[in-house]
PDB file of N, CA and C in Angstrom:
ATOM      1  N   UNK A   1      18.802   0.464  15.970  1.00  0.00           N
ATOM      2  CA  UNK A   1      18.020   1.482  16.202  1.00  0.00           C
ATOM      3  C   UNK A   1      16.681   1.033  16.893  1.00  0.00           C
ATOM      4  N   UNK A   2      16.260   1.771  17.940  1.00  0.00           N
ATOM      5  CA  UNK A   2      15.080   1.460  18.678  1.00  0.00           C
ATOM      6  C   UNK A   2      13.854   1.747  17.956  1.00  0.00           C
ATOM      7  N   UNK A   3      12.725   0.829  17.936  1.00  0.00           N
ATOM      8  CA  UNK A   3      11.571   1.100  17.586  1.00  0.00           C
ATOM      9  C   UNK A   3      10.781   2.176  18.129  1.00  0.00           C
ATOM     10  N   UNK A   4      10.011   2.985  17.294  1.00  0.00           N
ATOM     11  CA  UNK A   4       9.265   4.108  17.862  1.00  0.00           C
ATOM     12  C   UNK A   4       7.653   3.719  17.591  1.00  0.00           C
ATOM     13  N   UNK A   5       6.849   3.894  18.635  1.00  0.00           N
ATOM     14  CA  UNK A   5       5.610   3.641  18.382  1.00  0.00           C
ATOM     15  C   UNK A   5       4.726   4.967  18.393  1.00  0.00           C
ATOM     16  N   UNK A   6       3.581   4.864  17.807  1.00  0.00           N
ATOM     17  CA  UNK A   6       2.651   6.088  17.616  1.00  0.00           C
ATOM     18  C   UNK A   6       1.330   5.767  18.292  1.00  0.00           C
ATOM     19  N   UNK A   7       0.568   6.829  18.395  1.00  0.00           N
ATOM     20  CA  UNK A   7      -0.802   6.615  19.128  1.00  0.00           C
ATOM     21  C   UNK A   7      -1.865   5.879  18.364  1.00  0.00           C
ATOM     22  N   UNK A   8      -1.427   5.355  17.236  1.00  0.00           N
ATOM     23  CA  UNK A   8      -2.338   4.613  16.297  1.00  0.00           C
ATOM     24  C   UNK A   8      -2.156   3.095  16.559  1.00  0.00           C
ATOM     25  N   UNK A   9      -1.040   2.673  17.297  1.00  0.00           N
ATOM     26  CA  UNK A   9      -0.775   1.222  17.530  1.00  0.00           C
ATOM     27  C   UNK A   9      -1.682   0.554  18.270  1.00  0.00           C
ATOM     28  N   UNK A  10      -2.119  -0.568  17.857  1.00  0.00           N
ATOM     29  CA  UNK A  10      -3.175  -1.339  18.684  1.00  0.00           C
ATOM     30  C   UNK A  10      -2.468  -2.145  20.039  1.00  0.00           C
ATOM     31  N   UNK A  11      -3.241  -1.842  21.131  1.00  0.00           N
ATOM     32  CA  UNK A  11      -2.531  -2.312  22.498  1.00  0.00           C
ATOM     33  C   UNK A  11      -2.136  -3.700  22.178  1.00  0.00           C
ATOM     34  N   UNK A  12      -2.664  -4.612  21.730  1.00  0.00           N
ATOM     35  CA  UNK A  12      -2.245  -5.949  21.634  1.00  0.00           C
ATOM     36  C   UNK A  12      -0.930  -6.160  20.946  1.00  0.00           C
ATOM     37  N   UNK A  13      -0.857  -5.348  19.742  1.00  0.00           N
ATOM     38  CA  UNK A  13       0.506  -5.024  18.846  1.00  0.00           C
ATOM     39  C   UNK A  13       1.583  -4.542  19.636  1.00  0.00           C
ATOM     40  N   UNK A  14       1.320  -3.503  20.515  1.00  0.00           N
ATOM     41  CA  UNK A  14       2.266  -2.722  21.406  1.00  0.00           C
ATOM     42  C   UNK A  14       2.889  -3.808  22.322  1.00  0.00           C
ATOM     43  N   UNK A  15       2.126  -4.733  23.063  1.00  0.00           N
ATOM     44  CA  UNK A  15       2.458  -5.516  23.811  1.00  0.00           C
ATOM     45  C   UNK A  15       3.427  -6.741  23.257  1.00  0.00           C
ATOM     46  N   UNK A  16       3.077  -6.939  21.961  1.00  0.00           N
ATOM     47  CA  UNK A  16       3.903  -7.878  21.235  1.00  0.00           C
ATOM     48  C   UNK A  16       5.424  -7.360  20.940  1.00  0.00           C
ATOM     49  N   UNK A  17       5.511  -6.054  20.851  1.00  0.00           N
ATOM     50  CA  UNK A  17       6.846  -5.380  20.516  1.00  0.00           C
ATOM     51  C   UNK A  17       7.748  -5.863  21.768  1.00  0.00           C
ATOM     52  N   UNK A  18       7.294  -5.574  22.960  1.00  0.00           N
ATOM     53  CA  UNK A  18       8.013  -5.708  24.166  1.00  0.00           C
ATOM     54  C   UNK A  18       7.137  -5.758  25.330  1.00  0.00           C
ATOM     55  N   UNK A  19       7.240  -7.081  25.999  1.00  0.00           N
ATOM     56  CA  UNK A  19       6.437  -7.232  27.225  1.00  0.00           C
ATOM     57  C   UNK A  19       6.685  -6.396  28.145  1.00  0.00           C
ATOM     58  N   UNK A  20       7.938  -5.571  28.359  1.00  0.00           N
ATOM     59  CA  UNK A  20       8.455  -4.777  29.267  1.00  0.00           C
ATOM     60  C   UNK A  20       7.497  -3.379  29.307  1.00  0.00           C
ATOM     61  N   UNK A  21       6.527  -3.310  28.132  1.00  0.00           N
ATOM     62  CA  UNK A  21       5.730  -2.165  28.216  1.00  0.00           C
ATOM     63  C   UNK A  21       4.622  -2.278  28.978  1.00  0.00           C
ATOM     64  N   UNK A  22       4.158  -3.706  29.260  1.00  0.00           N
ATOM     65  CA  UNK A  22       3.046  -3.905  30.322  1.00  0.00           C
ATOM     66  C   UNK A  22       3.096  -3.207  31.534  1.00  0.00           C
ATOM     67  N   UNK A  23       4.185  -3.083  32.325  1.00  0.00           N
ATOM     68  CA  UNK A  23       4.349  -2.435  33.526  1.00  0.00           C
ATOM     69  C   UNK A  23       4.101  -0.952  33.444  1.00  0.00           C
ATOM     70  N   UNK A  24       4.684  -0.402  32.229  1.00  0.00           N
ATOM     71  CA  UNK A  24       4.434   1.185  32.080  1.00  0.00           C
ATOM     72  C   UNK A  24       2.743   1.461  31.869  1.00  0.00           C
ATOM     73  N   UNK A  25       2.079   0.497  31.217  1.00  0.00           N
ATOM     74  CA  UNK A  25       0.700   0.692  30.945  1.00  0.00           C
ATOM     75  C   UNK A  25      -0.095   0.476  32.183  1.00  0.00           C
ATOM     76  N   UNK A  26       0.385  -0.365  32.915  1.00  0.00           N
ATOM     77  CA  UNK A  26      -0.299  -0.781  34.245  1.00  0.00           C
ATOM     78  C   UNK A  26       0.000   0.365  35.179  1.00  0.00           C
ATOM     79  N   UNK A  27       1.379   0.945  35.379  1.00  0.00           N
ATOM     80  CA  UNK A  27       1.645   2.075  36.269  1.00  0.00           C
ATOM     81  C   UNK A  27       0.793   3.343  35.923  1.00  0.00           C
ATOM     82  N   UNK A  28       0.432   3.337  34.606  1.00  0.00           N
ATOM     83  CA  UNK A  28      -0.250   4.721  34.251  1.00  0.00           C
ATOM     84  C   UNK A  28      -1.779   4.537  34.569  1.00  0.00           C
ATOM     85  N   UNK A  29      -2.183   3.303  34.955  1.00  0.00           N
ATOM     86  CA  UNK A  29      -3.622   2.976  35.088  1.00  0.00           C
ATOM     87  C   UNK A  29      -4.387   2.203  34.180  1.00  0.00           C
ATOM     88  N   UNK A  30      -3.808   1.817  33.165  1.00  0.00           N
ATOM     89  CA  UNK A  30      -4.386   0.742  32.260  1.00  0.00           C
ATOM     90  C   UNK A  30      -4.152  -0.610  32.745  1.00  0.00           C
ATOM     91  N   UNK A  31      -5.149  -1.061  33.477  1.00  0.00           N
ATOM     92  CA  UNK A  31      -4.999  -2.347  33.983  1.00  0.00           C
ATOM     93  C   UNK A  31      -5.779  -3.520  33.221  1.00  0.00           C
ATOM     94  N   UNK A  32      -6.329  -2.999  32.168  1.00  0.00           N
ATOM     95  CA  UNK A  32      -7.184  -4.150  31.148  1.00  0.00           C
ATOM     96  C   UNK A  32      -6.380  -4.644  29.957  1.00  0.00           C
ATOM     97  N   UNK A  33      -5.025  -4.912  30.388  1.00  0.00           N
ATOM     98  CA  UNK A  33      -4.060  -5.035  29.257  1.00  0.00           C
ATOM     99  C   UNK A  33      -4.560  -6.490  28.530  1.00  0.00           C
ATOM    100  N   UNK A  34      -5.139  -7.409  29.358  1.00  0.00           N
ATOM    101  CA  UNK A  34      -5.531  -8.625  28.622  1.00  0.00           C
ATOM    102  C   UNK A  34      -6.965  -8.927  28.179  1.00  0.00           C
ATOM    103  N   UNK A  35      -7.746  -7.696  28.276  1.00  0.00           N
ATOM    104  CA  UNK A  35      -9.126  -7.666  27.928  1.00  0.00           C
ATOM    105  C   UNK A  35      -9.310  -7.728  26.448  1.00  0.00           C
ATOM    106  N   UNK A  36     -10.346  -8.131  25.904  1.00  0.00           N
ATOM    107  CA  UNK A  36     -10.654  -8.261  24.500  1.00  0.00           C
ATOM    108  C   UNK A  36     -10.498  -6.922  23.761  1.00  0.00           C
ATOM    109  N   UNK A  37     -10.814  -5.862  24.247  1.00  0.00           N
ATOM    110  CA  UNK A  37     -10.731  -4.614  23.741  1.00  0.00           C
ATOM    111  C   UNK A  37      -9.247  -4.336  23.241  1.00  0.00           C
ATOM    112  N   UNK A  38      -8.286  -4.713  24.113  1.00  0.00           N
ATOM    113  CA  UNK A  38      -7.004  -4.438  23.915  1.00  0.00           C
ATOM    114  C   UNK A  38      -6.407  -5.148  22.487  1.00  0.00           C
ATOM    115  N   UNK A  39      -7.204  -5.856  21.991  1.00  0.00           N
ATOM    116  CA  UNK A  39      -6.879  -6.528  20.655  1.00  0.00           C
ATOM    117  C   UNK A  39      -7.307  -5.716  19.630  1.00  0.00           C
ATOM    118  N   UNK A  40      -8.091  -4.851  19.725  1.00  0.00           N
ATOM    119  CA  UNK A  40      -8.559  -4.022  18.746  1.00  0.00           C
ATOM    120  C   UNK A  40      -8.439  -2.538  18.755  1.00  0.00           C
ATOM    121  N   UNK A  41      -8.071  -2.054  20.211  1.00  0.00           N
ATOM    122  CA  UNK A  41      -8.160  -0.634  20.345  1.00  0.00           C
ATOM    123  C   UNK A  41      -6.792  -0.132  20.310  1.00  0.00           C
ATOM    124  N   UNK A  42      -6.653   1.200  19.699  1.00  0.00           N
ATOM    125  CA  UNK A  42      -5.531   1.877  19.577  1.00  0.00           C
ATOM    126  C   UNK A  42      -5.020   2.402  20.891  1.00  0.00           C
ATOM    127  N   UNK A  43      -3.808   2.712  21.007  1.00  0.00           N
ATOM    128  CA  UNK A  43      -3.383   3.455  22.390  1.00  0.00           C
ATOM    129  C   UNK A  43      -4.029   4.755  22.510  1.00  0.00           C
ATOM    130  N   UNK A  44      -4.386   5.422  21.512  1.00  0.00           N
ATOM    131  CA  UNK A  44      -5.056   6.625  21.699  1.00  0.00           C
ATOM    132  C   UNK A  44      -6.492   6.320  22.285  1.00  0.00           C
ATOM    133  N   UNK A  45      -7.101   5.551  21.585  1.00  0.00           N
ATOM    134  CA  UNK A  45      -8.522   5.140  22.001  1.00  0.00           C
ATOM    135  C   UNK A  45      -8.638   4.633  23.622  1.00  0.00           C
ATOM    136  N   UNK A  46      -7.581   3.761  23.906  1.00  0.00           N
ATOM    137  CA  UNK A  46      -7.532   3.439  25.228  1.00  0.00           C
ATOM    138  C   UNK A  46      -7.262   4.553  26.282  1.00  0.00           C
ATOM    139  N   UNK A  47      -6.431   5.392  25.787  1.00  0.00           N
ATOM    140  CA  UNK A  47      -6.197   6.486  26.742  1.00  0.00           C
ATOM    141  C   UNK A  47      -7.376   7.263  26.841  1.00  0.00           C
ATOM    142  N   UNK A  48      -8.109   7.576  25.734  1.00  0.00           N
ATOM    143  CA  UNK A  48      -9.157   8.353  25.779  1.00  0.00           C
ATOM    144  C   UNK A  48     -10.226   7.703  26.873  1.00  0.00           C
ATOM    145  N   UNK A  49     -10.458   6.359  26.647  1.00  0.00           N
ATOM    146  CA  UNK A  49     -11.408   5.630  27.739  1.00  0.00           C
ATOM    147  C   UNK A  49     -11.088   5.691  29.104  1.00  0.00           C
ATOM    148  N   UNK A  50      -9.660   5.744  29.329  1.00  0.00           N
ATOM    149  CA  UNK A  50      -9.175   5.710  30.709  1.00  0.00           C
ATOM    150  C   UNK A  50      -8.799   7.213  31.127  1.00  0.00           C
ATOM    151  N   UNK A  51      -9.196   8.113  30.333  1.00  0.00           N
ATOM    152  CA  UNK A  51      -8.773   9.486  30.961  1.00  0.00           C
ATOM    153  C   UNK A  51      -7.296   9.837  30.984  1.00  0.00           C
ATOM    154  N   UNK A  52      -6.412   9.284  30.213  1.00  0.00           N
ATOM    155  CA  UNK A  52      -5.092   9.365  30.199  1.00  0.00           C
ATOM    156  C   UNK A  52      -4.584  10.325  29.219  1.00  0.00           C
ATOM    157  N   UNK A  53      -3.373  10.960  29.382  1.00  0.00           N
ATOM    158  CA  UNK A  53      -2.827  11.695  28.414  1.00  0.00           C
ATOM    159  C   UNK A  53      -1.938  10.813  27.493  1.00  0.00           C
ATOM    160  N   UNK A  54      -2.353  10.786  26.265  1.00  0.00           N
ATOM    161  CA  UNK A  54      -1.693  10.025  25.304  1.00  0.00           C
ATOM    162  C   UNK A  54      -0.255  10.275  25.104  1.00  0.00           C
ATOM    163  N   UNK A  55      -0.182  11.579  24.850  1.00  0.00           N
ATOM    164  CA  UNK A  55       1.233  11.975  24.574  1.00  0.00           C
ATOM    165  C   UNK A  55       2.331  11.762  25.554  1.00  0.00           C
ATOM    166  N   UNK A  56       1.936  11.959  27.031  1.00  0.00           N
ATOM    167  CA  UNK A  56       2.699  11.486  28.035  1.00  0.00           C
ATOM    168  C   UNK A  56       3.022  10.042  28.175  1.00  0.00           C
ATOM    169  N   UNK A  57       2.019   9.264  27.994  1.00  0.00           N
ATOM    170  CA  UNK A  57       2.097   7.667  27.985  1.00  0.00           C
ATOM    171  C   UNK A  57       3.147   7.301  26.695  1.00  0.00           C
ATOM    172  N   UNK A  58       2.723   7.903  25.512  1.00  0.00           N
ATOM    173  CA  UNK A  58       3.564   7.487  24.498  1.00  0.00           C
ATOM    174  C   UNK A  58       4.995   7.918  24.589  1.00  0.00           C
ATOM    175  N   UNK A  59       5.211   8.855  25.257  1.00  0.00           N
ATOM    176  CA  UNK A  59       6.637   9.319  25.574  1.00  0.00           C
ATOM    177  C   UNK A  59       7.321   8.403  26.483  1.00  0.00           C
ATOM    178  N   UNK A  60       6.622   7.851  27.422  1.00  0.00           N
ATOM    179  CA  UNK A  60       7.259   6.840  28.763  1.00  0.00           C
ATOM    180  C   UNK A  60       7.427   5.678  27.899  1.00  0.00           C
ATOM    181  N   UNK A  61       6.678   5.211  26.835  1.00  0.00           N
ATOM    182  CA  UNK A  61       6.738   3.993  26.209  1.00  0.00           C
ATOM    183  C   UNK A  61       7.890   4.032  25.179  1.00  0.00           C
ATOM    184  N   UNK A  62       8.223   5.105  24.336  1.00  0.00           N
ATOM    185  CA  UNK A  62       9.138   5.223  23.554  1.00  0.00           C
ATOM    186  C   UNK A  62      10.443   5.679  24.176  1.00  0.00           C
ATOM    187  N   UNK A  63      10.495   6.246  25.462  1.00  0.00           N
ATOM    188  CA  UNK A  63      11.632   6.454  26.215  1.00  0.00           C
ATOM    189  C   UNK A  63      12.256   4.970  26.577  1.00  0.00           C
ATOM    190  N   UNK A  64      11.214   4.227  27.068  1.00  0.00           N
ATOM    191  CA  UNK A  64      11.699   2.897  27.509  1.00  0.00           C
ATOM    192  C   UNK A  64      12.236   1.939  26.287  1.00  0.00           C
ATOM    193  N   UNK A  65      11.684   2.130  25.073  1.00  0.00           N
ATOM    194  CA  UNK A  65      12.013   1.387  23.921  1.00  0.00           C
ATOM    195  C   UNK A  65      13.458   1.971  23.425  1.00  0.00           C
ATOM    196  N   UNK A  66      13.787   3.121  23.582  1.00  0.00           N
ATOM    197  CA  UNK A  66      14.920   3.785  23.172  1.00  0.00           C
ATOM    198  C   UNK A  66      16.015   3.448  24.159  1.00  0.00           C
ATOM    199  N   UNK A  67      15.657   3.076  25.486  1.00  0.00           N
ATOM    200  CA  UNK A  67      16.848   2.679  26.422  1.00  0.00           C
ATOM    201  C   UNK A  67      17.042   1.360  26.301  1.00  0.00           C
ATOM    202  N   UNK A  68      16.666   0.495  25.449  1.00  0.00           N
ATOM    203  CA  UNK A  68      16.933  -0.796  25.346  1.00  0.00           C
ATOM    204  C   UNK A  68      18.137  -1.089  24.329  1.00  0.00           C
TER     205      UNK A  68
END
């Protein structure tokens, strides 16, 4: 069964689940994957800072994880 992530996951933890998520974040415009904020910022917080649609990005990530 594939793991499902929520908007409350820390970006750093999200990357630890599967490094294949990095290109999804980068393609969405979140280019600061390695910055210190990613170690304590939730996906929702990062989306808010970057002006992104959290639900759309979350769907892309969960679709990717489900396809594995």
